[in-house]
Protein backbone atom coordinates (compact mmCIF):
# COMPACT_ATOMS: atom_id res chain seq x y z
CA UNK A 1 221.86 90.25 47.42
CA UNK A 2 219.60 93.07 46.37
CA UNK A 3 216.28 93.73 48.21
CA UNK A 4 214.31 92.75 45.10
CA UNK A 5 216.08 89.42 44.81
CA UNK A 6 215.52 88.76 48.54
CA UNK A 7 211.73 89.39 48.20
CA UNK A 8 211.49 86.95 45.30
CA UNK A 9 213.16 84.20 47.27
CA UNK A 10 210.74 84.42 50.25
CA UNK A 11 207.90 82.27 48.76
CA UNK A 12 210.36 79.53 47.87
CA UNK A 13 211.70 79.63 51.42
CA UNK A 14 208.25 79.30 52.97
CA UNK A 15 207.44 76.44 50.61
CA UNK A 16 210.57 74.57 51.60
CA UNK A 17 209.90 75.08 55.32
CA UNK A 18 206.31 73.92 54.99
CA UNK A 19 207.36 70.73 53.16
CA UNK A 20 209.96 70.01 55.84
CA UNK A 21 207.35 70.47 58.63
CA UNK A 22 204.80 68.22 56.94
CA UNK A 23 207.44 65.55 56.38
CA UNK A 24 208.38 65.75 60.04
CA UNK A 25 204.75 65.25 61.09
CA UNK A 26 204.42 62.24 58.81
CA UNK A 27 207.59 60.72 60.28
CA UNK A 28 206.29 61.41 63.82
CA UNK A 29 202.93 59.75 63.07
CA UNK A 30 204.67 56.78 61.46
CA UNK A 31 206.87 56.36 64.51
CA UNK A 32 203.84 55.95 66.82
CA UNK A 33 203.18 52.39 67.94
CA UNK A 34 200.43 50.37 66.29
CA UNK A 35 198.63 49.99 69.67
CA UNK A 36 198.17 53.75 70.00
CA UNK A 37 196.59 53.91 66.57
CA UNK A 38 194.24 51.03 67.34
CA UNK A 39 193.26 52.62 70.66
CA UNK A 40 192.51 55.90 68.93
CA UNK A 41 190.39 54.12 66.30
CA UNK A 42 188.53 52.25 69.08
CA UNK A 43 187.71 55.49 70.90
CA UNK A 44 186.42 57.03 67.70
CA UNK A 45 184.20 54.00 67.00
CA UNK A 46 182.83 54.01 70.58
CA UNK A 47 182.05 57.71 70.34
CA UNK A 48 180.26 57.13 67.04
CA UNK A 49 178.12 54.33 68.55
CA UNK A 50 177.30 56.55 71.55
CA UNK A 51 176.04 59.24 69.21
CA UNK A 52 173.93 56.67 67.34
CA UNK A 53 172.42 55.39 70.61
CA UNK A 54 171.61 58.93 71.75
CA UNK A 55 169.93 59.63 68.43
CA UNK A 56 167.86 56.42 68.71
CA UNK A 57 166.83 57.38 72.24
CA UNK A 58 165.77 60.85 71.10
CA UNK A 59 163.74 59.37 68.24
CA UNK A 60 162.02 56.95 70.62
CA UNK A 61 161.22 59.73 73.10
CA UNK A 62 159.78 61.83 70.28
CA UNK A 63 157.61 58.93 69.13
CA UNK A 64 156.32 58.40 72.67
CA UNK A 65 155.55 62.10 73.07
CA UNK A 66 153.67 62.14 69.77
CA UNK A 67 151.70 59.04 70.80
CA UNK A 68 150.82 60.59 74.17
CA UNK A 69 149.85 63.86 72.50
CA UNK A 70 147.61 62.08 70.02
CA UNK A 71 145.94 60.15 72.82
CA UNK A 72 145.40 63.28 74.91
CA UNK A 73 144.11 65.14 71.86
CA UNK A 74 141.67 62.45 70.78
CA UNK A 75 140.26 61.59 74.19
CA UNK A 76 140.26 65.05 75.80
CA UNK A 77 137.03 65.92 77.67
CA UNK A 78 136.45 68.81 75.25
CA UNK A 79 136.14 68.97 71.48
CA UNK A 80 139.02 70.45 69.49
CA UNK A 81 138.34 71.84 66.02
CA UNK A 82 140.53 73.45 63.39
CA UNK A 83 138.43 75.43 60.93
CA UNK A 84 139.44 76.96 57.63
CA UNK A 85 138.80 80.61 56.87
CA UNK A 86 135.42 79.66 55.39
CA UNK A 87 134.42 77.74 58.51
CA UNK A 88 134.97 74.28 57.05
CA UNK A 89 136.21 71.58 59.43
CA UNK A 90 139.83 70.64 58.70
CA UNK A 91 140.61 68.68 61.84
CA UNK A 92 138.89 67.49 65.01
CA UNK A 93 139.40 65.00 67.80
CA UNK A 94 137.18 62.06 68.68
CA UNK A 95 135.35 64.04 71.36
CA UNK A 96 134.48 66.76 68.87
CA UNK A 97 133.23 64.22 66.35
CA UNK A 98 131.07 62.60 69.04
CA UNK A 99 129.54 66.01 69.85
CA UNK A 100 128.46 66.40 66.25
CA UNK A 101 127.30 62.81 66.00
CA UNK A 102 129.33 61.82 62.92
CA UNK A 103 132.51 59.80 62.23
CA UNK A 104 135.56 62.00 62.22
CA UNK A 105 136.54 61.12 58.65
CA UNK A 106 133.16 62.23 57.37
CA UNK A 107 133.41 65.66 59.02
CA UNK A 108 136.40 66.80 56.98
CA UNK A 109 135.35 69.63 54.69
CA UNK A 110 131.89 70.12 56.22
CA UNK A 111 130.94 73.56 57.47
CA UNK A 112 130.80 73.76 61.25
CA UNK A 113 127.88 76.19 61.00
CA UNK A 114 125.74 73.41 59.50
CA UNK A 115 125.69 71.78 62.95
CA UNK A 116 124.63 74.99 64.74
CA UNK A 117 120.92 75.36 65.52
CA UNK A 118 119.27 78.19 63.53
CA UNK A 119 118.55 80.26 66.64
CA UNK A 120 122.26 80.14 67.59
CA UNK A 121 123.67 80.98 64.16
CA UNK A 122 123.80 84.78 64.79
CA UNK A 123 126.00 84.21 67.86
CA UNK A 124 128.31 81.81 66.02
CA UNK A 125 128.56 84.08 62.97
CA UNK A 126 129.40 87.01 65.24
CA UNK A 127 132.21 84.98 66.83
CA UNK A 128 133.70 84.09 63.42
CA UNK A 129 133.40 87.63 62.07
CA UNK A 130 135.02 89.13 65.16
CA UNK A 131 137.95 86.72 64.89
CA UNK A 132 138.55 87.21 61.19
CA UNK A 133 138.08 90.95 61.49
CA UNK A 134 141.32 91.17 63.46
CA UNK A 135 143.13 88.14 62.12
CA UNK A 136 146.49 89.87 62.34
CA UNK A 137 146.33 89.66 66.15
CA UNK A 138 146.88 86.01 66.92
CA UNK A 139 145.56 84.30 70.04
CA UNK A 140 142.90 86.92 70.75
CA UNK A 141 139.97 84.86 71.99
CA UNK A 142 136.27 85.09 71.35
CA UNK A 143 133.59 82.95 72.96
CA UNK A 144 129.89 82.26 72.72
CA UNK A 145 127.23 79.79 73.81
CA UNK A 146 125.31 77.95 71.12
CA UNK A 147 123.03 75.00 70.60
CA UNK A 148 124.54 72.26 68.42
CA UNK A 149 122.44 69.65 66.66
CA UNK A 150 124.08 66.29 67.33
CA UNK A 151 123.43 64.04 64.39
CA UNK A 152 121.04 66.69 63.09
CA UNK A 153 118.36 65.80 65.66
CA UNK A 154 119.63 65.97 69.26
CA UNK A 155 120.27 69.46 70.66
CA UNK A 156 123.23 69.95 73.00
CA UNK A 157 124.29 73.15 74.70
CA UNK A 158 127.91 74.10 73.99
CA UNK A 159 130.37 76.78 75.02
CA UNK A 160 132.84 77.72 72.27
CA UNK A 161 136.15 79.51 72.80
CA UNK A 162 138.11 80.22 69.62
CA UNK A 163 141.17 82.03 68.34
CA UNK A 164 142.85 82.72 64.97
CA UNK A 165 146.34 81.32 64.32
CA UNK A 166 148.75 81.19 61.40
CA UNK A 167 149.09 83.21 58.22
CA UNK A 168 146.11 81.40 56.67
CA UNK A 169 143.77 82.66 59.41
CA UNK A 170 142.79 79.21 60.59
CA UNK A 171 140.45 79.11 63.56
CA UNK A 172 141.16 76.83 66.49
CA UNK A 173 138.11 76.24 68.64
CA UNK A 174 137.59 74.49 71.94
CA UNK A 175 134.02 73.26 72.34
CA UNK A 176 132.67 72.23 75.75
CA UNK A 177 129.43 70.31 76.21
CA UNK A 178 127.54 72.18 78.95
CA UNK A 179 124.22 70.39 78.46
CA UNK A 180 124.17 68.96 82.00
CA UNK A 181 124.99 72.33 83.55
CA UNK A 182 122.35 74.09 81.46
CA UNK A 183 119.73 71.47 82.36
CA UNK A 184 120.62 71.85 86.04
CA UNK A 185 120.34 75.64 85.73
CA UNK A 186 116.94 75.33 84.06
CA UNK A 187 115.79 72.87 86.73
CA UNK A 188 116.92 75.28 89.45
CA UNK A 189 115.12 78.14 87.75
CA UNK A 190 111.95 76.03 87.52
CA UNK A 191 112.30 75.04 91.16
CA UNK A 192 112.71 78.65 92.23
CA UNK A 193 109.65 79.59 90.20
CA UNK A 194 107.59 76.83 91.86
CA UNK A 195 108.83 77.99 95.26
CA UNK A 196 107.85 81.55 94.46
CA UNK A 197 104.37 80.47 93.41
CA UNK A 198 104.02 78.38 96.57
CA UNK A 199 105.14 81.30 98.74
CA UNK A 200 102.74 83.63 96.97
CA UNK A 201 99.87 81.20 97.51
CA UNK A 202 100.67 80.71 101.19
CA UNK A 203 101.54 84.31 101.94
CA UNK A 204 104.94 83.23 103.29
CA UNK A 205 108.31 84.85 102.89
CA UNK A 206 111.84 83.47 103.28
CA UNK A 207 114.52 85.11 105.40
CA UNK A 208 118.13 84.48 106.38
CA UNK A 209 120.34 86.05 109.04
CA UNK A 210 124.14 85.71 108.99
CA UNK A 211 125.52 85.42 112.52
CA UNK A 212 128.98 86.87 111.81
CA UNK A 213 128.07 89.80 109.59
CA UNK A 214 124.56 90.21 111.05
CA UNK A 215 123.30 90.72 107.51
CA UNK A 216 119.64 89.97 106.78
CA UNK A 217 118.19 88.60 103.58
CA UNK A 218 114.47 88.99 103.03
CA UNK A 219 112.64 87.61 100.03
CA UNK A 220 110.28 90.04 98.27
CA UNK A 221 107.39 88.38 100.12
CA UNK A 222 109.01 89.23 103.48
CA UNK A 223 109.46 92.84 102.48
CA UNK A 224 105.74 92.99 101.69
CA UNK A 225 104.80 91.27 104.96
CA UNK A 226 106.86 93.66 107.08
CA UNK A 227 105.79 96.67 105.05
CA UNK A 228 109.26 98.08 104.47
CA UNK A 229 110.80 99.37 101.25
CA UNK A 230 114.48 98.68 101.98
CA UNK A 231 116.24 96.01 99.93
CA UNK A 232 118.90 95.30 102.58
CA UNK A 233 117.18 95.16 105.97
CA UNK A 234 119.20 94.74 109.14
CA UNK A 235 118.53 93.39 112.61
CA UNK A 236 117.96 96.99 113.69
CA UNK A 237 115.25 97.25 111.03
CA UNK A 238 113.39 94.34 112.59
CA UNK A 239 113.98 95.63 116.13
CA UNK A 240 112.43 99.00 115.33
CA UNK A 241 109.37 97.24 113.87
CA UNK A 242 108.74 94.95 116.86
CA UNK A 243 105.82 95.77 119.11
CA UNK A 244 107.18 96.90 122.49
CA UNK A 245 105.15 94.20 124.29
CA UNK A 246 106.69 91.42 122.13
CA UNK A 247 110.31 92.53 121.92
CA UNK A 248 111.52 90.60 124.95
CA UNK A 249 109.73 87.38 123.92
CA UNK A 250 111.08 87.48 120.36
CA UNK A 251 114.63 88.08 121.61
CA UNK A 252 114.33 85.11 123.99
CA UNK A 253 113.30 82.79 121.17
CA UNK A 254 116.22 83.99 119.05
CA UNK A 255 118.60 83.34 121.94
CA UNK A 256 117.27 79.77 122.41
CA UNK A 257 117.67 79.03 118.72
CA UNK A 258 121.32 80.13 118.74
CA UNK A 259 122.01 78.29 121.98
CA UNK A 260 120.63 74.81 121.23
CA UNK A 261 120.48 74.85 117.43
CA UNK A 262 116.94 73.48 117.42
CA UNK A 263 114.09 74.75 115.29
CA UNK A 264 112.15 77.51 116.99
CA UNK A 265 108.90 79.29 116.19
CA UNK A 266 107.28 82.39 117.58
CA UNK A 267 104.30 84.68 117.06
CA UNK A 268 104.79 88.38 117.56
CA UNK A 269 103.43 91.73 116.52
CA UNK A 270 105.11 94.42 114.46
CA UNK A 271 104.16 98.01 113.82
CA UNK A 272 104.60 98.79 110.15
CA UNK A 273 106.01 102.18 109.14
CA UNK A 274 102.46 103.28 108.26
CA UNK A 275 101.33 102.54 111.85
CA UNK A 276 99.46 99.32 111.06
CA UNK A 277 99.80 96.54 113.67
CA UNK A 278 100.37 93.12 112.09
CA UNK A 279 100.77 89.66 113.62
CA UNK A 280 103.70 87.60 112.29
CA UNK A 281 104.41 83.89 112.59
CA UNK A 282 108.11 83.04 112.17
CA UNK A 283 109.92 79.71 112.19
CA UNK A 284 113.70 79.37 112.02
CA UNK A 285 116.51 76.81 112.07
CA UNK A 286 120.18 77.42 112.89
CA UNK A 287 122.89 76.15 110.53
CA UNK A 288 126.24 75.39 112.22
CA UNK A 289 129.75 74.60 111.02
CA UNK A 290 131.55 71.32 111.78
CA UNK A 291 132.64 72.64 115.16
CA UNK A 292 129.06 73.44 116.13
CA UNK A 293 129.43 77.21 115.80
CA UNK A 294 126.22 78.89 114.52
CA UNK A 295 126.68 80.28 111.04
CA UNK A 296 123.24 81.51 110.07
CA UNK A 297 119.57 81.35 110.92
CA UNK A 298 117.15 80.62 108.11
CA UNK A 299 113.40 80.41 108.16
CA UNK A 300 110.01 81.60 106.99
CA UNK A 301 107.65 84.39 108.00
CA UNK A 302 103.89 84.64 107.51
CA UNK A 303 101.30 87.32 108.08
CA UNK A 304 98.72 85.75 110.44
CA UNK A 305 96.81 88.93 111.25
CA UNK A 306 93.60 87.57 109.75
CA UNK A 307 93.73 84.41 111.86
CA UNK A 308 94.46 86.36 115.03
CA UNK A 309 91.51 88.68 114.42
CA UNK A 310 89.27 85.70 113.80
CA UNK A 311 90.40 84.14 117.08
CA UNK A 312 89.73 87.40 118.96
CA UNK A 313 86.26 87.70 117.42
CA UNK A 314 85.51 84.11 118.37
CA UNK A 315 86.44 84.83 121.98
CA UNK A 316 84.28 87.95 122.04
CA UNK A 317 81.29 86.22 120.46
CA UNK A 318 81.48 82.59 121.62
CA UNK A 319 79.12 80.17 119.93
């Protein structure tokens, strides 16, 4: 047989061998018992049902997660807003709608800026412009404080934190109602102003001494009373001002206050840096921790030089 004839016969040989192998497999499968086939079919059916049950469980878990997310989103303690590039409201939660004083469905398409008080519009516009000016950098945050008009009539103070997301430059904003905090801050400021006026009228100053650090705090009134120009006085500052005849008595009163924690008061003289002798009335109270350890001494100081001079004159010239 020539080499060319042998090469031509190879495909026919492979074909014949393949048909013989397939026929052998068919005969082998046919020779298997019927019980083996049924068992194999049963295993396949069980596996299919298992896959179906797993899929159902995954779908149920997804539905529960979506329900929980929606509940958390709607009833979060802050307002969530999704704004279009033009500042129109595309989506919000129930808390956000309550802040603006309108039903959520009615807010869709309205401009968020229409709910911002006129005096706050420059701050809000600056926030939007800064975000859109670098819209290619996602999740960069900008924030501002504004006054929102709830229902168009009721002002509320709000803190806004926003970022740009997505190719369409949508703005996601978190809005927090800080009205209570702002009112408390204003009330504190008013209280401090009333205290300052009261101290000015009475000629009193407020002081505080930290036991551990030995740091002194003097209100501006105290600095005027003691005639010093330092903003951070120390115990040494007071010691150098004390009149030599009153140093021991003042130190004894301080020691009693720290020892028993009771309110103490004392009158003593100081010599101001300009040489002027001034009488001071001081009252203090110790603040302690839960274990009874003194933390600080707080109190008031008052210039009583005028009263002392009047008393001396009355003794010199009795009625």
